[in-house]
Amino acid sequence: MPPRKLVVGSGQRTHPLVWIAAIICVFLALAVIIAGVCVFVGYLVIHPRVPALTVTDAHLDRLDFSQAGVMDVKMTVYIRAENHNIKAHASFSDTSLTMSFHEIEIAKLVAYPFDVSKNSSIDFNYVVESSSIPLGSRDMDFVDRSLKEDKIKFDLKGSSRTQWRIPILGSVKLWCHLNCELRFHPSNSSYIHSYCSSKSK
């Protein structure tokens, strides 16, 4: 027996299953459109901002370099966790940053999970102190040149997982990444301020 056709010959009524399927498709399309409009309006009204990590200041507490090619470094780095959302708390977790000199790892900067209130920030003071760092001839030349130019740089790289709940939009999770160069004047240990943040410029 041949299969039953949903639409019978020309001029005859459409099968009820076709109408039911069409109605379901219309409702689904309306739901998608309404959801899209709600998200768009919610974004315009709330204007959510991604929480960020920013280096606000630093100080080169000690820099010793011997002719034997051994370097000792101690510095203080001030990092601010920022949450500029006025209607949502933010949480930071898995925060791990690496301080290095000329691709030589000096120290790890980590933090336990923490929360930042709405439209607020928290400051962290990291004391970075290395054990004696043996340098190769290439690195020794780099340090010697940096001292003569009175400008030395260190790299700070890492990330933190952020999460915040926004009305209408729901929970949002993103990674914020730091990739900065910290520059100092060895002669007076002062920090040469520059933009260093996970935020877009």
C-alpha atoms as a PDB file:
ATOM      1  CA  MET A   1       0.000   0.000   0.000  1.00  0.00           C
ATOM      2  CA  PRO A   2       1.597   3.380  -1.046  1.00  0.00           C
ATOM      3  CA  PRO A   3       2.432   5.869   1.765  1.00  0.00           C
ATOM      4  CA  ARG A   4      -0.227   8.383   2.650  1.00  0.00           C
ATOM      5  CA  LYS A   5       0.422  11.887   1.265  1.00  0.00           C
ATOM      6  CA  LEU A   6       0.355  14.871   3.641  1.00  0.00           C
ATOM      7  CA  VAL A   7      -0.965  17.215   0.963  1.00  0.00           C
ATOM      8  CA  VAL A   8      -3.698  15.732  -1.155  1.00  0.00           C
ATOM      9  CA  GLY A   9      -4.364  16.873  -4.714  1.00  0.00           C
ATOM     10  CA  SER A  10      -4.561  20.461  -5.922  1.00  0.00           C
ATOM     11  CA  GLY A  11      -7.359  22.518  -4.474  1.00  0.00           C
ATOM     12  CA  GLN A  12      -7.826  20.255  -1.474  1.00  0.00           C
ATOM     13  CA  ARG A  13      -7.127  21.084   2.196  1.00  0.00           C
ATOM     14  CA  THR A  14      -3.620  20.880   3.689  1.00  0.00           C
ATOM     15  CA  HIS A  15      -3.072  18.004   6.029  1.00  0.00           C
ATOM     16  CA  PRO A  16      -3.408  18.969   9.767  1.00  0.00           C
ATOM     17  CA  LEU A  17       0.138  17.732  10.512  1.00  0.00           C
ATOM     18  CA  VAL A  18       1.534  20.367   8.125  1.00  0.00           C
ATOM     19  CA  TRP A  19      -0.378  23.103   9.979  1.00  0.00           C
ATOM     20  CA  ILE A  20       0.860  21.831  13.329  1.00  0.00           C
ATOM     21  CA  ALA A  21       4.459  21.798  12.086  1.00  0.00           C
ATOM     22  CA  ALA A  22       4.086  25.310  10.660  1.00  0.00           C
ATOM     23  CA  ILE A  23       2.645  26.646  13.935  1.00  0.00           C
ATOM     24  CA  ILE A  24       5.489  25.062  15.935  1.00  0.00           C
ATOM     25  CA  CYS A  25       8.062  26.654  13.582  1.00  0.00           C
ATOM     26  CA  VAL A  26       6.398  30.059  13.976  1.00  0.00           C
ATOM     27  CA  PHE A  27       6.475  29.819  17.776  1.00  0.00           C
ATOM     28  CA  LEU A  28      10.125  28.726  17.740  1.00  0.00           C
ATOM     29  CA  ALA A  29      11.053  31.613  15.441  1.00  0.00           C
ATOM     30  CA  LEU A  30       9.202  34.097  17.674  1.00  0.00           C
ATOM     31  CA  ALA A  31      10.936  32.702  20.773  1.00  0.00           C
ATOM     32  CA  VAL A  32      14.363  33.096  19.144  1.00  0.00           C
ATOM     33  CA  ILE A  33      13.568  36.659  18.047  1.00  0.00           C
ATOM     34  CA  ILE A  34      12.245  37.640  21.492  1.00  0.00           C
ATOM     35  CA  ALA A  35      15.275  36.111  23.216  1.00  0.00           C
ATOM     36  CA  GLY A  36      17.589  37.968  20.848  1.00  0.00           C
ATOM     37  CA  VAL A  37      15.826  41.267  21.476  1.00  0.00           C
ATOM     38  CA  CYS A  38      15.973  40.734  25.266  1.00  0.00           C
ATOM     39  CA  VAL A  39      19.711  40.006  25.141  1.00  0.00           C
ATOM     40  CA  PHE A  40      20.357  43.025  22.906  1.00  0.00           C
ATOM     41  CA  VAL A  41      18.290  45.375  25.072  1.00  0.00           C
ATOM     42  CA  GLY A  42      19.878  43.932  28.205  1.00  0.00           C
ATOM     43  CA  TYR A  43      23.339  44.579  26.791  1.00  0.00           C
ATOM     44  CA  LEU A  44      22.468  48.166  25.870  1.00  0.00           C
ATOM     45  CA  VAL A  45      20.922  48.863  29.291  1.00  0.00           C
ATOM     46  CA  ILE A  46      23.465  47.073  31.488  1.00  0.00           C
ATOM     47  CA  HIS A  47      26.502  47.413  29.192  1.00  0.00           C
ATOM     48  CA  PRO A  48      28.481  44.605  30.874  1.00  0.00           C
ATOM     49  CA  ARG A  49      32.246  44.975  31.175  1.00  0.00           C
ATOM     50  CA  VAL A  50      34.801  42.208  31.421  1.00  0.00           C
ATOM     51  CA  PRO A  51      36.620  42.167  34.804  1.00  0.00           C
ATOM     52  CA  ALA A  52      40.322  42.866  34.442  1.00  0.00           C
ATOM     53  CA  LEU A  53      43.756  42.674  36.022  1.00  0.00           C
ATOM     54  CA  THR A  54      45.917  45.805  35.874  1.00  0.00           C
ATOM     55  CA  VAL A  55      49.443  46.561  37.076  1.00  0.00           C
ATOM     56  CA  THR A  56      49.125  49.932  38.796  1.00  0.00           C
ATOM     57  CA  ASP A  57      52.662  50.342  40.110  1.00  0.00           C
ATOM     58  CA  ALA A  58      55.932  48.537  40.848  1.00  0.00           C
ATOM     59  CA  HIS A  59      59.273  49.090  42.556  1.00  0.00           C
ATOM     60  CA  LEU A  60      62.653  47.474  42.023  1.00  0.00           C
ATOM     61  CA  ASP A  61      63.683  46.835  45.618  1.00  0.00           C
ATOM     62  CA  ARG A  62      66.984  45.144  44.807  1.00  0.00           C
ATOM     63  CA  LEU A  63      69.070  44.274  41.775  1.00  0.00           C
ATOM     64  CA  ASP A  64      72.471  42.692  42.357  1.00  0.00           C
ATOM     65  CA  PHE A  65      74.628  41.523  39.493  1.00  0.00           C
ATOM     66  CA  SER A  66      78.043  39.942  40.023  1.00  0.00           C
ATOM     67  CA  GLN A  67      80.863  39.569  37.526  1.00  0.00           C
ATOM     68  CA  ALA A  68      80.489  35.811  37.991  1.00  0.00           C
ATOM     69  CA  GLY A  69      77.190  36.074  36.135  1.00  0.00           C
ATOM     70  CA  VAL A  70      74.786  35.731  39.061  1.00  0.00           C
ATOM     71  CA  MET A  71      71.797  38.049  39.471  1.00  0.00           C
ATOM     72  CA  ASP A  72      69.563  38.606  42.505  1.00  0.00           C
ATOM     73  CA  VAL A  73      66.283  40.442  42.100  1.00  0.00           C
ATOM     74  CA  LYS A  74      63.617  41.659  44.476  1.00  0.00           C
ATOM     75  CA  MET A  75      60.674  43.804  43.415  1.00  0.00           C
ATOM     76  CA  THR A  76      57.201  44.757  44.546  1.00  0.00           C
ATOM     77  CA  VAL A  77      54.368  44.640  42.018  1.00  0.00           C
ATOM     78  CA  TYR A  78      50.967  46.201  42.672  1.00  0.00           C
ATOM     79  CA  ILE A  79      48.136  44.491  40.793  1.00  0.00           C
ATOM     80  CA  ARG A  80      44.500  45.596  40.828  1.00  0.00           C
ATOM     81  CA  ALA A  81      41.556  43.290  40.132  1.00  0.00           C
ATOM     82  CA  GLU A  82      38.812  45.476  38.659  1.00  0.00           C
ATOM     83  CA  ASN A  83      35.089  44.944  38.243  1.00  0.00           C
ATOM     84  CA  HIS A  84      33.368  47.869  36.517  1.00  0.00           C
ATOM     85  CA  ASN A  85      29.966  46.168  36.332  1.00  0.00           C
ATOM     86  CA  ILE A  86      27.571  48.258  38.416  1.00  0.00           C
ATOM     87  CA  LYS A  87      25.019  45.439  38.715  1.00  0.00           C
ATOM     88  CA  ALA A  88      27.100  42.296  39.091  1.00  0.00           C
ATOM     89  CA  HIS A  89      29.687  40.841  41.458  1.00  0.00           C
ATOM     90  CA  ALA A  90      32.694  39.210  39.794  1.00  0.00           C
ATOM     91  CA  SER A  91      34.839  36.285  40.876  1.00  0.00           C
ATOM     92  CA  PHE A  92      38.445  35.539  39.939  1.00  0.00           C
ATOM     93  CA  SER A  93      39.975  32.055  40.081  1.00  0.00           C
ATOM     94  CA  ASP A  94      42.951  30.117  38.707  1.00  0.00           C
ATOM     95  CA  THR A  95      45.020  33.293  38.870  1.00  0.00           C
ATOM     96  CA  SER A  96      48.611  32.533  37.889  1.00  0.00           C
ATOM     97  CA  LEU A  97      51.241  34.981  36.621  1.00  0.00           C
ATOM     98  CA  THR A  98      54.883  34.357  35.762  1.00  0.00           C
ATOM     99  CA  MET A  99      57.637  36.934  36.191  1.00  0.00           C
ATOM    100  CA  SER A 100      60.662  36.363  33.955  1.00  0.00           C
ATOM    101  CA  PHE A 101      63.822  38.077  32.832  1.00  0.00           C
ATOM    102  CA  HIS A 102      65.062  37.506  29.310  1.00  0.00           C
ATOM    103  CA  GLU A 103      63.044  34.243  29.171  1.00  0.00           C
ATOM    104  CA  ILE A 104      64.438  33.117  32.561  1.00  0.00           C
ATOM    105  CA  GLU A 105      61.604  32.439  35.012  1.00  0.00           C
ATOM    106  CA  ILE A 106      62.055  34.339  38.263  1.00  0.00           C
ATOM    107  CA  ALA A 107      58.874  33.687  40.231  1.00  0.00           C
ATOM    108  CA  LYS A 108      55.211  32.658  40.107  1.00  0.00           C
ATOM    109  CA  LEU A 109      52.513  35.056  41.312  1.00  0.00           C
ATOM    110  CA  VAL A 110      49.322  33.244  42.338  1.00  0.00           C
ATOM    111  CA  ALA A 111      46.145  34.064  44.231  1.00  0.00           C
ATOM    112  CA  TYR A 112      43.384  32.021  45.836  1.00  0.00           C
ATOM    113  CA  PRO A 113      39.876  32.503  44.351  1.00  0.00           C
ATOM    114  CA  PHE A 114      38.394  35.839  45.384  1.00  0.00           C
ATOM    115  CA  ASP A 115      35.363  38.036  44.696  1.00  0.00           C
ATOM    116  CA  VAL A 116      35.162  41.696  43.706  1.00  0.00           C
ATOM    117  CA  SER A 117      32.010  43.636  44.542  1.00  0.00           C
ATOM    118  CA  LYS A 118      29.949  45.603  42.033  1.00  0.00           C
ATOM    119  CA  ASN A 119      31.804  48.550  40.516  1.00  0.00           C
ATOM    120  CA  SER A 120      34.770  47.967  42.813  1.00  0.00           C
ATOM    121  CA  SER A 121      38.363  46.736  42.878  1.00  0.00           C
ATOM    122  CA  ILE A 122      40.863  44.894  45.086  1.00  0.00           C
ATOM    123  CA  ASP A 123      44.597  45.621  45.232  1.00  0.00           C
ATOM    124  CA  PHE A 124      47.295  42.988  45.688  1.00  0.00           C
ATOM    125  CA  ASN A 125      50.905  43.665  46.607  1.00  0.00           C
ATOM    126  CA  TYR A 126      53.212  40.940  45.339  1.00  0.00           C
ATOM    127  CA  VAL A 127      56.775  40.797  46.627  1.00  0.00           C
ATOM    128  CA  VAL A 128      58.785  39.030  43.941  1.00  0.00           C
ATOM    129  CA  GLU A 129      62.136  37.729  45.157  1.00  0.00           C
ATOM    130  CA  SER A 130      64.381  35.433  43.161  1.00  0.00           C
ATOM    131  CA  SER A 131      67.067  33.082  44.332  1.00  0.00           C
ATOM    132  CA  SER A 132      70.461  33.639  42.729  1.00  0.00           C
ATOM    133  CA  ILE A 133      69.946  33.414  38.979  1.00  0.00           C
ATOM    134  CA  PRO A 134      72.895  32.049  36.977  1.00  0.00           C
ATOM    135  CA  LEU A 135      73.223  33.823  33.647  1.00  0.00           C
ATOM    136  CA  GLY A 136      74.798  32.713  30.422  1.00  0.00           C
ATOM    137  CA  SER A 137      77.163  34.959  28.489  1.00  0.00           C
ATOM    138  CA  ARG A 138      74.324  36.263  26.300  1.00  0.00           C
ATOM    139  CA  ASP A 139      72.199  37.137  29.330  1.00  0.00           C
ATOM    140  CA  MET A 140      75.191  38.744  31.084  1.00  0.00           C
ATOM    141  CA  ASP A 141      75.726  41.000  28.089  1.00  0.00           C
ATOM    142  CA  PHE A 142      72.039  41.899  28.158  1.00  0.00           C
ATOM    143  CA  VAL A 143      72.189  42.836  31.870  1.00  0.00           C
ATOM    144  CA  ASP A 144      75.403  44.809  31.385  1.00  0.00           C
ATOM    145  CA  ARG A 145      73.879  46.767  28.509  1.00  0.00           C
ATOM    146  CA  SER A 146      70.698  47.386  30.505  1.00  0.00           C
ATOM    147  CA  LEU A 147      72.680  48.779  33.430  1.00  0.00           C
ATOM    148  CA  LYS A 148      74.659  51.079  31.153  1.00  0.00           C
ATOM    149  CA  GLU A 149      71.439  52.344  29.563  1.00  0.00           C
ATOM    150  CA  ASP A 150      69.835  52.625  33.031  1.00  0.00           C
ATOM    151  CA  LYS A 151      66.788  50.720  31.826  1.00  0.00           C
ATOM    152  CA  ILE A 152      65.992  47.099  32.552  1.00  0.00           C
ATOM    153  CA  LYS A 153      62.829  45.173  31.759  1.00  0.00           C
ATOM    154  CA  PHE A 154      61.018  42.109  33.091  1.00  0.00           C
ATOM    155  CA  ASP A 155      58.129  40.187  31.539  1.00  0.00           C
ATOM    156  CA  LEU A 156      54.907  39.490  33.394  1.00  0.00           C
ATOM    157  CA  LYS A 157      52.576  37.002  31.736  1.00  0.00           C
ATOM    158  CA  GLY A 158      49.623  34.948  32.897  1.00  0.00           C
ATOM    159  CA  SER A 159      45.866  34.737  33.212  1.00  0.00           C
ATOM    160  CA  SER A 160      42.883  34.525  35.523  1.00  0.00           C
ATOM    161  CA  ARG A 161      39.450  33.005  35.037  1.00  0.00           C
ATOM    162  CA  THR A 162      36.620  35.497  35.625  1.00  0.00           C
ATOM    163  CA  GLN A 163      32.935  34.888  36.155  1.00  0.00           C
ATOM    164  CA  TRP A 164      30.052  37.246  36.784  1.00  0.00           C
ATOM    165  CA  ARG A 165      26.267  36.983  36.645  1.00  0.00           C
ATOM    166  CA  ILE A 166      24.396  39.617  34.680  1.00  0.00           C
ATOM    167  CA  PRO A 167      20.589  40.034  34.887  1.00  0.00           C
ATOM    168  CA  ILE A 168      18.842  38.804  31.722  1.00  0.00           C
ATOM    169  CA  LEU A 169      22.141  37.691  30.161  1.00  0.00           C
ATOM    170  CA  GLY A 170      22.920  35.089  32.836  1.00  0.00           C
ATOM    171  CA  SER A 171      26.346  33.879  33.986  1.00  0.00           C
ATOM    172  CA  VAL A 172      29.360  34.861  31.903  1.00  0.00           C
ATOM    173  CA  LYS A 173      32.792  33.184  32.099  1.00  0.00           C
ATOM    174  CA  LEU A 174      35.915  34.474  30.398  1.00  0.00           C
ATOM    175  CA  TRP A 175      39.685  34.380  30.762  1.00  0.00           C
ATOM    176  CA  CYS A 176      41.601  37.626  31.197  1.00  0.00           C
ATOM    177  CA  HIS A 177      45.230  37.593  30.076  1.00  0.00           C
ATOM    178  CA  LEU A 178      48.193  39.742  31.076  1.00  0.00           C
ATOM    179  CA  ASN A 179      51.205  40.126  28.813  1.00  0.00           C
ATOM    180  CA  CYS A 180      53.292  43.040  30.011  1.00  0.00           C
ATOM    181  CA  GLU A 181      56.792  44.448  30.118  1.00  0.00           C
ATOM    182  CA  LEU A 182      57.769  46.043  33.419  1.00  0.00           C
ATOM    183  CA  ARG A 183      60.597  48.550  32.986  1.00  0.00           C
ATOM    184  CA  PHE A 184      62.746  50.098  35.711  1.00  0.00           C
ATOM    185  CA  HIS A 185      65.585  52.554  36.134  1.00  0.00           C
ATOM    186  CA  PRO A 186      68.241  50.531  38.023  1.00  0.00           C
ATOM    187  CA  SER A 187      69.991  53.730  39.176  1.00  0.00           C
ATOM    188  CA  ASN A 188      67.111  54.756  41.458  1.00  0.00           C
ATOM    189  CA  SER A 189      64.910  51.591  41.351  1.00  0.00           C
ATOM    190  CA  SER A 190      61.963  53.566  39.986  1.00  0.00           C
ATOM    191  CA  TYR A 191      59.257  52.046  37.809  1.00  0.00           C
ATOM    192  CA  ILE A 192      58.773  53.395  34.290  1.00  0.00           C
ATOM    193  CA  HIS A 193      54.998  53.581  34.086  1.00  0.00           C
ATOM    194  CA  SER A 194      53.339  52.083  31.030  1.00  0.00           C
ATOM    195  CA  TYR A 195      49.971  50.579  30.192  1.00  0.00           C
ATOM    196  CA  CYS A 196      49.806  47.041  31.574  1.00  0.00           C
ATOM    197  CA  SER A 197      46.335  45.519  31.771  1.00  0.00           C
ATOM    198  CA  SER A 198      44.198  42.678  30.511  1.00  0.00           C
ATOM    199  CA  LYS A 199      41.709  45.316  29.346  1.00  0.00           C
ATOM    200  CA  SER A 200      41.661  46.397  25.727  1.00  0.00           C
ATOM    201  CA  LYS A 201      43.265  49.767  25.142  1.00  0.00           C
END
